[in-house]
Amino acid sequence: MKEKHNYLSSCLDAFKNQIPKDILVKPGNNGTSIAAHKSLLSASSVIFKYMLDSDGCKAAPGHTITLAELSYLELHAMLDFLYCGELPKEKLEKHAYSLSVAADKYEIKFLQKYCERHMLGSLNTSNALKLLEISDTYKSYPHLKVAAMRFIVENVEGIVFTPKFDAFAVKNPHLALQITRTSIATNKKKKPRV
């Protein structure tokens, strides 16, 4: 709760000081740009701060930055989060993966924790492999990686004997190997000695 309070107080500065929106943020799919506050973006992310402190952004009010990895709806959801500190459940469920990637890339710490908490709570047999892959690719989610691996090992038969696992193993052979080794080690521990 303290993190949320600290985060929101930085957002309120933009409103309190009646700072006009002074940056356009464009999605990667050539969608419509969305007006935002440089101060809010800078306060929420050290990466945005560096981007926006560059000479090109300082010189031109109404400058546009493009976040190529986000669609218009994903960008809108991210900005909603940055201004409010939370998202409606249906929006979070729809965009959690893409927001977690953007949060990692731009080092938006509060959004990283928010997405990780959601993904941990939604872990199931249909998304465990995707969550393991995200947590392995983006190192900001160590708790998610441990939880996803544990979940997969506990439900190994229902996960590894699927076409989804076959595609996952081709794309992520190192993770497939980790799953195999962890499953074998776990099964050895469970077997009673004769």
N, C-alpha and C. Protein backbone atom coordinates (compact mmCIF):
# COMPACT_ATOMS: atom_id res chain seq x y z
N MET A 1 0.82 -1.19 0.00
CA MET A 1 0.00 0.00 0.00
C MET A 1 0.87 1.25 0.00
N LYS A 2 1.98 1.19 0.74
CA LYS A 2 2.88 2.34 0.80
C LYS A 2 3.46 2.64 -0.58
N GLU A 3 3.81 1.57 -1.33
CA GLU A 3 4.33 1.75 -2.69
C GLU A 3 3.31 2.46 -3.57
N LYS A 4 2.06 2.04 -3.45
CA LYS A 4 1.01 2.65 -4.27
C LYS A 4 0.86 4.12 -3.90
N HIS A 5 0.90 4.43 -2.62
CA HIS A 5 0.77 5.82 -2.17
C HIS A 5 1.92 6.67 -2.72
N ASN A 6 3.14 6.17 -2.61
CA ASN A 6 4.31 6.90 -3.12
C ASN A 6 4.21 7.11 -4.62
N TYR A 7 3.77 6.07 -5.30
CA TYR A 7 3.64 6.15 -6.75
C TYR A 7 2.60 7.20 -7.14
N LEU A 8 1.44 7.13 -6.50
CA LEU A 8 0.36 8.05 -6.87
C LEU A 8 0.68 9.49 -6.52
N SER A 9 1.46 9.71 -5.49
CA SER A 9 1.80 11.09 -5.15
C SER A 9 2.62 11.73 -6.27
N SER A 10 3.45 10.95 -6.97
CA SER A 10 4.19 11.51 -8.10
C SER A 10 3.24 11.83 -9.26
N CYS A 11 2.20 11.03 -9.43
CA CYS A 11 1.21 11.29 -10.48
C CYS A 11 0.40 12.55 -10.16
N LEU A 12 0.09 12.73 -8.90
CA LEU A 12 -0.72 13.87 -8.51
C LEU A 12 0.01 15.19 -8.71
N ASP A 13 1.33 15.17 -8.69
CA ASP A 13 2.10 16.40 -8.95
C ASP A 13 1.74 16.98 -10.31
N ALA A 14 1.57 16.12 -11.30
CA ALA A 14 1.23 16.58 -12.64
C ALA A 14 -0.12 17.30 -12.64
N PHE A 15 -1.06 16.78 -11.86
CA PHE A 15 -2.39 17.40 -11.80
C PHE A 15 -2.39 18.64 -10.90
N LYS A 16 -1.75 18.53 -9.73
CA LYS A 16 -1.70 19.63 -8.78
C LYS A 16 -1.12 20.90 -9.38
N ASN A 17 -0.04 20.72 -10.09
CA ASN A 17 0.64 21.85 -10.71
C ASN A 17 0.02 22.24 -12.04
N GLN A 18 -1.08 21.60 -12.37
CA GLN A 18 -1.82 21.85 -13.62
C GLN A 18 -0.89 21.86 -14.83
N ILE A 19 -0.04 20.89 -14.86
CA ILE A 19 0.90 20.78 -15.97
C ILE A 19 0.15 20.28 -17.19
N PRO A 20 0.18 21.05 -18.29
CA PRO A 20 -0.51 20.57 -19.50
C PRO A 20 0.22 19.36 -20.08
N LYS A 21 -0.53 18.54 -20.77
CA LYS A 21 0.06 17.37 -21.41
C LYS A 21 1.02 17.88 -22.48
N ASP A 22 2.24 17.37 -22.44
CA ASP A 22 3.29 17.94 -23.27
C ASP A 22 4.07 16.92 -24.09
N ILE A 23 3.54 15.71 -24.19
CA ILE A 23 4.20 14.67 -24.99
C ILE A 23 3.13 13.80 -25.62
N LEU A 24 3.41 13.32 -26.81
CA LEU A 24 2.52 12.36 -27.46
C LEU A 24 3.22 11.01 -27.43
N VAL A 25 2.47 9.99 -27.06
CA VAL A 25 3.01 8.64 -27.01
C VAL A 25 2.28 7.83 -28.07
N LYS A 26 3.06 7.27 -28.97
CA LYS A 26 2.49 6.57 -30.13
C LYS A 26 2.73 5.08 -30.00
N PRO A 27 1.70 4.28 -30.30
CA PRO A 27 1.89 2.82 -30.29
C PRO A 27 2.66 2.37 -31.54
N GLY A 28 3.15 1.16 -31.50
CA GLY A 28 3.94 0.63 -32.59
C GLY A 28 3.15 0.27 -33.84
N ASN A 29 1.86 0.10 -33.71
CA ASN A 29 1.06 -0.33 -34.87
C ASN A 29 0.48 0.86 -35.65
N ASN A 30 1.16 2.00 -35.56
CA ASN A 30 0.74 3.22 -36.26
C ASN A 30 -0.65 3.69 -35.85
N GLY A 31 -1.04 3.36 -34.64
CA GLY A 31 -2.32 3.83 -34.12
C GLY A 31 -2.23 5.30 -33.72
N THR A 32 -3.31 5.80 -33.22
CA THR A 32 -3.40 7.18 -32.80
C THR A 32 -2.51 7.43 -31.59
N SER A 33 -1.82 8.56 -31.61
CA SER A 33 -0.99 8.95 -30.46
C SER A 33 -1.87 9.37 -29.30
N ILE A 34 -1.35 9.22 -28.08
CA ILE A 34 -2.07 9.59 -26.87
C ILE A 34 -1.26 10.66 -26.15
N ALA A 35 -1.92 11.74 -25.77
CA ALA A 35 -1.25 12.83 -25.06
C ALA A 35 -1.00 12.42 -23.61
N ALA A 36 0.16 12.80 -23.08
CA ALA A 36 0.53 12.45 -21.70
C ALA A 36 1.41 13.56 -21.13
N HIS A 37 1.80 13.37 -19.88
CA HIS A 37 2.70 14.30 -19.20
C HIS A 37 4.12 13.73 -19.16
N LYS A 38 5.08 14.52 -19.64
CA LYS A 38 6.48 14.09 -19.54
C LYS A 38 6.85 13.83 -18.08
N SER A 39 6.36 14.70 -17.19
CA SER A 39 6.72 14.57 -15.78
C SER A 39 6.23 13.25 -15.20
N LEU A 40 5.05 12.81 -15.60
CA LEU A 40 4.52 11.53 -15.11
C LEU A 40 5.36 10.37 -15.65
N LEU A 41 5.64 10.40 -16.94
CA LEU A 41 6.44 9.33 -17.53
C LEU A 41 7.82 9.28 -16.88
N SER A 42 8.44 10.45 -16.70
CA SER A 42 9.77 10.52 -16.08
C SER A 42 9.76 10.03 -14.65
N ALA A 43 8.69 10.36 -13.90
CA ALA A 43 8.60 9.95 -12.51
C ALA A 43 8.39 8.45 -12.37
N SER A 44 7.76 7.84 -13.36
CA SER A 44 7.45 6.42 -13.24
C SER A 44 8.53 5.50 -13.78
N SER A 45 9.48 6.05 -14.56
CA SER A 45 10.47 5.19 -15.21
C SER A 45 11.77 5.94 -15.44
N VAL A 46 12.87 5.35 -15.00
CA VAL A 46 14.17 5.96 -15.25
C VAL A 46 14.49 5.94 -16.75
N ILE A 47 14.00 4.96 -17.46
CA ILE A 47 14.22 4.88 -18.91
C ILE A 47 13.49 6.01 -19.61
N PHE A 48 12.22 6.24 -19.24
CA PHE A 48 11.49 7.37 -19.81
C PHE A 48 12.18 8.68 -19.46
N LYS A 49 12.69 8.77 -18.23
CA LYS A 49 13.37 10.00 -17.82
C LYS A 49 14.56 10.28 -18.74
N TYR A 50 15.37 9.27 -19.02
CA TYR A 50 16.51 9.45 -19.93
C TYR A 50 16.04 9.81 -21.34
N MET A 51 15.01 9.13 -21.81
CA MET A 51 14.48 9.42 -23.15
C MET A 51 13.99 10.86 -23.24
N LEU A 52 13.25 11.28 -22.22
CA LEU A 52 12.61 12.59 -22.26
C LEU A 52 13.56 13.73 -21.90
N ASP A 53 14.68 13.40 -21.28
CA ASP A 53 15.68 14.42 -20.97
C ASP A 53 16.64 14.64 -22.14
N SER A 54 16.48 13.86 -23.20
CA SER A 54 17.36 14.04 -24.36
C SER A 54 17.07 15.39 -25.01
N ASP A 55 18.02 15.90 -25.73
CA ASP A 55 17.88 17.23 -26.34
C ASP A 55 16.69 17.32 -27.28
N GLY A 56 16.42 16.27 -28.03
CA GLY A 56 15.29 16.30 -28.95
C GLY A 56 13.96 16.46 -28.25
N CYS A 57 13.79 15.79 -27.11
CA CYS A 57 12.53 15.89 -26.37
C CYS A 57 12.43 17.19 -25.59
N LYS A 58 13.54 17.71 -25.12
CA LYS A 58 13.52 18.97 -24.36
C LYS A 58 13.13 20.13 -25.25
N ALA A 59 13.61 20.10 -26.48
CA ALA A 59 13.44 21.24 -27.36
C ALA A 59 12.02 21.40 -27.87
N ALA A 60 11.35 20.32 -28.12
CA ALA A 60 10.06 20.43 -28.79
C ALA A 60 8.89 20.03 -27.92
N PRO A 61 8.06 21.01 -27.48
CA PRO A 61 6.84 20.61 -26.79
C PRO A 61 5.94 19.86 -27.77
N GLY A 62 5.23 18.89 -27.27
CA GLY A 62 4.38 18.09 -28.13
C GLY A 62 5.16 17.05 -28.92
N HIS A 63 6.38 16.79 -28.52
CA HIS A 63 7.23 15.78 -29.15
C HIS A 63 6.54 14.42 -29.05
N THR A 64 6.80 13.54 -29.99
CA THR A 64 6.21 12.20 -29.99
C THR A 64 7.28 11.16 -29.73
N ILE A 65 6.97 10.22 -28.83
CA ILE A 65 7.81 9.04 -28.66
C ILE A 65 6.98 7.83 -29.06
N THR A 66 7.63 6.85 -29.63
CA THR A 66 6.93 5.64 -30.07
C THR A 66 7.35 4.47 -29.19
N LEU A 67 6.36 3.76 -28.68
CA LEU A 67 6.61 2.53 -27.92
C LEU A 67 6.19 1.37 -28.84
N ALA A 68 7.16 0.93 -29.63
CA ALA A 68 6.90 0.01 -30.74
C ALA A 68 6.31 -1.33 -30.31
N GLU A 69 6.59 -1.76 -29.08
CA GLU A 69 6.13 -3.08 -28.64
C GLU A 69 4.67 -3.10 -28.19
N LEU A 70 4.03 -1.94 -28.12
CA LEU A 70 2.66 -1.86 -27.63
C LEU A 70 1.68 -1.47 -28.74
N SER A 71 0.52 -2.12 -28.75
CA SER A 71 -0.57 -1.71 -29.62
C SER A 71 -1.25 -0.49 -28.98
N TYR A 72 -2.19 0.09 -29.67
CA TYR A 72 -2.91 1.25 -29.12
C TYR A 72 -3.60 0.89 -27.80
N LEU A 73 -4.31 -0.24 -27.77
CA LEU A 73 -5.04 -0.63 -26.55
C LEU A 73 -4.09 -0.94 -25.40
N GLU A 74 -2.96 -1.57 -25.71
CA GLU A 74 -1.96 -1.86 -24.67
C GLU A 74 -1.34 -0.57 -24.13
N LEU A 75 -1.03 0.35 -25.03
CA LEU A 75 -0.48 1.65 -24.63
C LEU A 75 -1.48 2.40 -23.77
N HIS A 76 -2.72 2.38 -24.17
CA HIS A 76 -3.78 3.05 -23.41
C HIS A 76 -3.88 2.45 -22.01
N ALA A 77 -3.80 1.13 -21.93
CA ALA A 77 -3.85 0.45 -20.62
C ALA A 77 -2.65 0.84 -19.77
N MET A 78 -1.47 0.92 -20.38
CA MET A 78 -0.28 1.30 -19.61
C MET A 78 -0.41 2.73 -19.08
N LEU A 79 -0.88 3.64 -19.92
CA LEU A 79 -1.05 5.03 -19.46
C LEU A 79 -2.14 5.12 -18.39
N ASP A 80 -3.21 4.35 -18.55
CA ASP A 80 -4.25 4.30 -17.50
C ASP A 80 -3.61 3.90 -16.18
N PHE A 81 -2.77 2.88 -16.23
CA PHE A 81 -2.11 2.42 -15.01
C PHE A 81 -1.21 3.51 -14.44
N LEU A 82 -0.43 4.15 -15.30
CA LEU A 82 0.50 5.18 -14.83
C LEU A 82 -0.23 6.34 -14.15
N TYR A 83 -1.41 6.67 -14.64
CA TYR A 83 -2.17 7.77 -14.04
C TYR A 83 -2.97 7.35 -12.81
N CYS A 84 -3.41 6.09 -12.76
CA CYS A 84 -4.32 5.66 -11.67
C CYS A 84 -3.67 4.72 -10.66
N GLY A 85 -2.61 4.03 -11.04
CA GLY A 85 -1.96 3.08 -10.15
C GLY A 85 -2.65 1.73 -10.07
N GLU A 86 -3.62 1.51 -10.96
CA GLU A 86 -4.31 0.22 -11.04
C GLU A 86 -5.06 0.14 -12.35
N LEU A 87 -5.59 -1.04 -12.64
CA LEU A 87 -6.36 -1.26 -13.85
C LEU A 87 -7.60 -2.07 -13.53
N PRO A 88 -8.68 -1.87 -14.27
CA PRO A 88 -9.83 -2.76 -14.10
C PRO A 88 -9.41 -4.20 -14.42
N LYS A 89 -10.01 -5.14 -13.74
CA LYS A 89 -9.63 -6.55 -13.85
C LYS A 89 -9.61 -7.04 -15.30
N GLU A 90 -10.66 -6.72 -16.07
CA GLU A 90 -10.74 -7.22 -17.44
C GLU A 90 -9.63 -6.64 -18.32
N LYS A 91 -9.24 -5.39 -18.08
CA LYS A 91 -8.15 -4.78 -18.85
C LYS A 91 -6.81 -5.41 -18.47
N LEU A 92 -6.63 -5.68 -17.19
CA LEU A 92 -5.40 -6.31 -16.73
C LEU A 92 -5.28 -7.72 -17.29
N GLU A 93 -6.36 -8.49 -17.24
CA GLU A 93 -6.33 -9.85 -17.77
C GLU A 93 -6.01 -9.86 -19.27
N LYS A 94 -6.54 -8.90 -19.99
CA LYS A 94 -6.33 -8.84 -21.43
C LYS A 94 -4.89 -8.43 -21.79
N HIS A 95 -4.27 -7.54 -21.00
CA HIS A 95 -2.99 -6.97 -21.37
C HIS A 95 -1.84 -7.28 -20.42
N ALA A 96 -2.01 -8.19 -19.49
CA ALA A 96 -0.98 -8.45 -18.47
C ALA A 96 0.37 -8.83 -19.07
N TYR A 97 0.37 -9.69 -20.09
CA TYR A 97 1.63 -10.14 -20.67
C TYR A 97 2.37 -8.98 -21.35
N SER A 98 1.67 -8.25 -22.20
CA SER A 98 2.33 -7.15 -22.92
C SER A 98 2.73 -6.03 -21.96
N LEU A 99 1.93 -5.78 -20.93
CA LEU A 99 2.29 -4.76 -19.94
C LEU A 99 3.50 -5.19 -19.13
N SER A 100 3.60 -6.48 -18.83
CA SER A 100 4.77 -6.96 -18.07
C SER A 100 6.05 -6.80 -18.89
N VAL A 101 5.96 -7.01 -20.19
CA VAL A 101 7.11 -6.83 -21.07
C VAL A 101 7.51 -5.35 -21.12
N ALA A 102 6.52 -4.47 -21.29
CA ALA A 102 6.80 -3.03 -21.33
C ALA A 102 7.33 -2.54 -19.98
N ALA A 103 6.76 -3.05 -18.90
CA ALA A 103 7.21 -2.64 -17.55
C ALA A 103 8.66 -3.03 -17.34
N ASP A 104 9.05 -4.20 -17.84
CA ASP A 104 10.44 -4.63 -17.73
C ASP A 104 11.34 -3.76 -18.60
N LYS A 105 10.95 -3.54 -19.84
CA LYS A 105 11.78 -2.78 -20.78
C LYS A 105 12.01 -1.35 -20.30
N TYR A 106 10.97 -0.72 -19.77
CA TYR A 106 11.07 0.68 -19.37
C TYR A 106 11.31 0.85 -17.87
N GLU A 107 11.51 -0.27 -17.18
CA GLU A 107 11.80 -0.26 -15.74
C GLU A 107 10.75 0.52 -14.94
N ILE A 108 9.49 0.18 -15.19
CA ILE A 108 8.38 0.77 -14.44
C ILE A 108 8.11 -0.18 -13.27
N LYS A 109 8.80 0.04 -12.17
CA LYS A 109 8.84 -0.91 -11.05
C LYS A 109 7.45 -1.24 -10.50
N PHE A 110 6.63 -0.22 -10.30
CA PHE A 110 5.32 -0.48 -9.71
C PHE A 110 4.45 -1.32 -10.66
N LEU A 111 4.53 -1.07 -11.95
CA LEU A 111 3.79 -1.87 -12.93
C LEU A 111 4.34 -3.30 -12.99
N GLN A 112 5.66 -3.46 -12.85
CA GLN A 112 6.25 -4.80 -12.82
C GLN A 112 5.65 -5.61 -11.67
N LYS A 113 5.62 -5.03 -10.48
CA LYS A 113 5.08 -5.74 -9.32
C LYS A 113 3.59 -6.03 -9.50
N TYR A 114 2.88 -5.08 -10.05
CA TYR A 114 1.44 -5.23 -10.27
C TYR A 114 1.17 -6.39 -11.24
N CYS A 115 1.91 -6.43 -12.34
CA CYS A 115 1.73 -7.50 -13.33
C CYS A 115 2.16 -8.85 -12.75
N GLU A 116 3.28 -8.86 -12.03
CA GLU A 116 3.75 -10.12 -11.46
C GLU A 116 2.72 -10.67 -10.48
N ARG A 117 2.18 -9.82 -9.63
CA ARG A 117 1.17 -10.25 -8.67
C ARG A 117 -0.04 -10.85 -9.39
N HIS A 118 -0.46 -10.20 -10.47
CA HIS A 118 -1.59 -10.71 -11.24
C HIS A 118 -1.25 -12.07 -11.87
N MET A 119 -0.07 -12.16 -12.48
CA MET A 119 0.30 -13.41 -13.16
C MET A 119 0.46 -14.55 -12.16
N LEU A 120 1.00 -14.26 -10.98
CA LEU A 120 1.10 -15.29 -9.95
C LEU A 120 -0.29 -15.80 -9.55
N GLY A 121 -1.23 -14.89 -9.45
CA GLY A 121 -2.59 -15.25 -9.07
C GLY A 121 -3.37 -15.97 -10.15
N SER A 122 -2.92 -15.85 -11.39
CA SER A 122 -3.66 -16.46 -12.50
C SER A 122 -2.98 -17.71 -13.07
N LEU A 123 -1.94 -18.17 -12.41
CA LEU A 123 -1.16 -19.32 -12.88
C LEU A 123 -2.05 -20.56 -12.98
N ASN A 124 -2.07 -21.17 -14.17
CA ASN A 124 -2.85 -22.40 -14.39
C ASN A 124 -2.19 -23.22 -15.50
N THR A 125 -2.74 -24.37 -15.80
CA THR A 125 -2.11 -25.27 -16.77
C THR A 125 -2.08 -24.68 -18.18
N SER A 126 -3.00 -23.78 -18.51
CA SER A 126 -2.99 -23.23 -19.87
C SER A 126 -2.01 -22.07 -20.04
N ASN A 127 -1.59 -21.42 -18.95
CA ASN A 127 -0.67 -20.29 -19.12
C ASN A 127 0.69 -20.48 -18.44
N ALA A 128 0.90 -21.58 -17.76
CA ALA A 128 2.14 -21.78 -16.99
C ALA A 128 3.39 -21.71 -17.87
N LEU A 129 3.34 -22.31 -19.05
CA LEU A 129 4.51 -22.28 -19.94
C LEU A 129 4.81 -20.85 -20.42
N LYS A 130 3.77 -20.11 -20.75
CA LYS A 130 3.95 -18.72 -21.19
C LYS A 130 4.53 -17.87 -20.06
N LEU A 131 4.03 -18.09 -18.85
CA LEU A 131 4.54 -17.32 -17.71
C LEU A 131 5.99 -17.69 -17.40
N LEU A 132 6.34 -18.96 -17.54
CA LEU A 132 7.73 -19.37 -17.35
C LEU A 132 8.62 -18.71 -18.40
N GLU A 133 8.15 -18.68 -19.63
CA GLU A 133 8.92 -18.06 -20.72
C GLU A 133 9.10 -16.55 -20.46
N ILE A 134 8.05 -15.87 -20.06
CA ILE A 134 8.14 -14.43 -19.76
C ILE A 134 9.14 -14.20 -18.63
N SER A 135 9.02 -14.99 -17.58
CA SER A 135 9.90 -14.79 -16.42
C SER A 135 11.35 -15.13 -16.72
N ASP A 136 11.58 -16.00 -17.69
CA ASP A 136 12.95 -16.32 -18.08
C ASP A 136 13.53 -15.24 -19.00
N THR A 137 12.72 -14.71 -19.87
CA THR A 137 13.16 -13.68 -20.81
C THR A 137 13.38 -12.35 -20.12
N TYR A 138 12.45 -11.98 -19.26
CA TYR A 138 12.50 -10.69 -18.56
C TYR A 138 12.83 -10.96 -17.11
N LYS A 139 14.03 -10.64 -16.73
CA LYS A 139 14.58 -11.04 -15.43
C LYS A 139 13.96 -10.30 -14.24
N SER A 140 12.99 -9.45 -14.47
CA SER A 140 12.35 -8.70 -13.40
C SER A 140 11.32 -9.53 -12.62
N TYR A 141 11.12 -10.78 -13.02
CA TYR A 141 10.06 -11.59 -12.42
C TYR A 141 10.59 -12.89 -11.80
N PRO A 142 11.52 -12.82 -10.85
CA PRO A 142 12.11 -14.04 -10.29
C PRO A 142 11.09 -14.88 -9.51
N HIS A 143 10.16 -14.25 -8.81
CA HIS A 143 9.15 -15.01 -8.05
C HIS A 143 8.23 -15.76 -9.00
N LEU A 144 7.94 -15.14 -10.11
CA LEU A 144 7.08 -15.78 -11.11
C LEU A 144 7.78 -17.00 -11.71
N LYS A 145 9.07 -16.90 -11.95
CA LYS A 145 9.80 -18.03 -12.53
C LYS A 145 9.78 -19.23 -11.58
N VAL A 146 10.02 -19.00 -10.31
CA VAL A 146 10.01 -20.08 -9.31
C VAL A 146 8.62 -20.70 -9.22
N ALA A 147 7.60 -19.84 -9.15
CA ALA A 147 6.23 -20.34 -9.01
C ALA A 147 5.79 -21.11 -10.26
N ALA A 148 6.12 -20.58 -11.44
CA ALA A 148 5.73 -21.26 -12.68
C ALA A 148 6.42 -22.61 -12.80
N MET A 149 7.71 -22.66 -12.49
CA MET A 149 8.45 -23.93 -12.56
C MET A 149 7.85 -24.94 -11.58
N ARG A 150 7.59 -24.50 -10.36
CA ARG A 150 7.00 -25.40 -9.36
C ARG A 150 5.64 -25.91 -9.83
N PHE A 151 4.82 -25.01 -10.37
CA PHE A 151 3.49 -25.40 -10.84
C PHE A 151 3.60 -26.41 -11.98
N ILE A 152 4.49 -26.17 -12.92
CA ILE A 152 4.66 -27.09 -14.06
C ILE A 152 5.11 -28.46 -13.58
N VAL A 153 6.06 -28.50 -12.65
CA VAL A 153 6.56 -29.78 -12.13
C VAL A 153 5.45 -30.52 -11.39
N GLU A 154 4.64 -29.79 -10.63
CA GLU A 154 3.53 -30.43 -9.90
C GLU A 154 2.45 -30.95 -10.85
N ASN A 155 2.35 -30.34 -12.03
CA ASN A 155 1.32 -30.73 -13.01
C ASN A 155 1.95 -31.21 -14.31
N VAL A 156 3.10 -31.85 -14.19
CA VAL A 156 3.93 -32.17 -15.35
C VAL A 156 3.20 -33.00 -16.39
N GLU A 157 2.45 -33.99 -16.00
CA GLU A 157 1.80 -34.86 -16.99
C GLU A 157 0.74 -34.12 -17.78
N GLY A 158 0.02 -33.22 -17.13
CA GLY A 158 -1.01 -32.46 -17.83
C GLY A 158 -0.46 -31.35 -18.71
N ILE A 159 0.82 -31.06 -18.56
CA ILE A 159 1.42 -29.96 -19.33
C ILE A 159 2.36 -30.46 -20.42
N VAL A 160 3.25 -31.40 -20.09
CA VAL A 160 4.28 -31.79 -21.07
C VAL A 160 3.77 -32.71 -22.18
N PHE A 161 2.65 -33.34 -22.00
CA PHE A 161 2.11 -34.21 -23.05
C PHE A 161 1.07 -33.48 -23.88
N THR A 162 1.38 -32.24 -24.25
CA THR A 162 0.47 -31.42 -25.04
C THR A 162 1.21 -30.82 -26.23
N PRO A 163 0.48 -30.48 -27.29
CA PRO A 163 1.11 -29.79 -28.43
C PRO A 163 1.72 -28.44 -28.02
N LYS A 164 1.12 -27.79 -27.03
CA LYS A 164 1.64 -26.51 -26.55
C LYS A 164 3.05 -26.68 -25.99
N PHE A 165 3.28 -27.78 -25.27
CA PHE A 165 4.61 -28.03 -24.72
C PHE A 165 5.61 -28.34 -25.85
N ASP A 166 5.16 -29.07 -26.87
CA ASP A 166 6.05 -29.39 -28.00
C ASP A 166 6.56 -28.09 -28.64
N ALA A 167 5.67 -27.14 -28.87
CA ALA A 167 6.06 -25.85 -29.47
C ALA A 167 6.96 -25.07 -28.51
N PHE A 168 6.62 -25.12 -27.22
CA PHE A 168 7.41 -24.44 -26.19
C PHE A 168 8.83 -24.99 -26.15
N ALA A 169 8.96 -26.32 -26.20
CA ALA A 169 10.28 -26.98 -26.11
C ALA A 169 11.17 -26.63 -27.30
N VAL A 170 10.58 -26.51 -28.47
CA VAL A 170 11.36 -26.12 -29.66
C VAL A 170 11.88 -24.69 -29.50
N LYS A 171 11.04 -23.83 -28.99
CA LYS A 171 11.40 -22.41 -28.82
C LYS A 171 12.30 -22.19 -27.61
N ASN A 172 12.13 -22.99 -26.56
CA ASN A 172 12.85 -22.81 -25.29
C ASN A 172 13.48 -24.11 -24.82
N PRO A 173 14.45 -24.66 -25.55
CA PRO A 173 15.02 -25.95 -25.15
C PRO A 173 15.66 -25.93 -23.76
N HIS A 174 16.25 -24.82 -23.38
CA HIS A 174 16.88 -24.73 -22.06
C HIS A 174 15.83 -24.83 -20.94
N LEU A 175 14.65 -24.27 -21.15
CA LEU A 175 13.59 -24.37 -20.14
C LEU A 175 12.98 -25.77 -20.13
N ALA A 176 12.83 -26.37 -21.30
CA ALA A 176 12.32 -27.75 -21.36
C ALA A 176 13.26 -28.69 -20.61
N LEU A 177 14.56 -28.47 -20.77
CA LEU A 177 15.56 -29.27 -20.05
C LEU A 177 15.45 -29.03 -18.54
N GLN A 178 15.27 -27.78 -18.15
CA GLN A 178 15.10 -27.46 -16.71
C GLN A 178 13.88 -28.16 -16.14
N ILE A 179 12.78 -28.14 -16.90
CA ILE A 179 11.55 -28.80 -16.45
C ILE A 179 11.81 -30.29 -16.27
N THR A 180 12.46 -30.91 -17.23
CA THR A 180 12.76 -32.34 -17.16
C THR A 180 13.62 -32.66 -15.94
N ARG A 181 14.70 -31.92 -15.77
CA ARG A 181 15.60 -32.18 -14.64
C ARG A 181 14.92 -31.94 -13.30
N THR A 182 14.16 -30.87 -13.20
CA THR A 182 13.47 -30.57 -11.94
C THR A 182 12.42 -31.64 -11.64
N SER A 183 11.73 -32.09 -12.67
CA SER A 183 10.72 -33.15 -12.49
C SER A 183 11.35 -34.44 -12.00
N ILE A 184 12.47 -34.81 -12.60
CA ILE A 184 13.16 -36.05 -12.19
C ILE A 184 13.66 -35.92 -10.76
N ALA A 185 14.28 -34.79 -10.44
CA ALA A 185 14.80 -34.58 -9.08
C ALA A 185 13.66 -34.59 -8.05
N THR A 186 12.55 -33.99 -8.40
CA THR A 186 11.40 -33.95 -7.49
C THR A 186 10.83 -35.35 -7.28
N ASN A 187 10.72 -36.12 -8.36
CA ASN A 187 10.19 -37.49 -8.26
C ASN A 187 11.10 -38.38 -7.43
N LYS A 188 12.42 -38.20 -7.54
CA LYS A 188 13.35 -38.99 -6.73
C LYS A 188 13.16 -38.71 -5.25
N LYS A 189 12.91 -37.46 -4.92
CA LYS A 189 12.71 -37.09 -3.52
C LYS A 189 11.42 -37.68 -2.96
N LYS A 190 10.41 -37.82 -3.83
CA LYS A 190 9.11 -38.31 -3.39
C LYS A 190 9.09 -39.82 -3.21
N LYS A 191 9.90 -40.53 -4.00
CA LYS A 191 9.89 -42.00 -3.94
C LYS A 191 10.46 -42.49 -2.62
N PRO A 192 9.75 -43.41 -1.97
CA PRO A 192 10.30 -43.97 -0.74
C PRO A 192 11.46 -44.90 -1.06
N ARG A 193 12.46 -44.88 -0.22
CA ARG A 193 13.63 -45.76 -0.42
C ARG A 193 13.29 -47.16 0.04
N VAL A 194 13.76 -48.16 -0.68
CA VAL A 194 13.48 -49.57 -0.37
C VAL A 194 14.58 -50.14 0.46
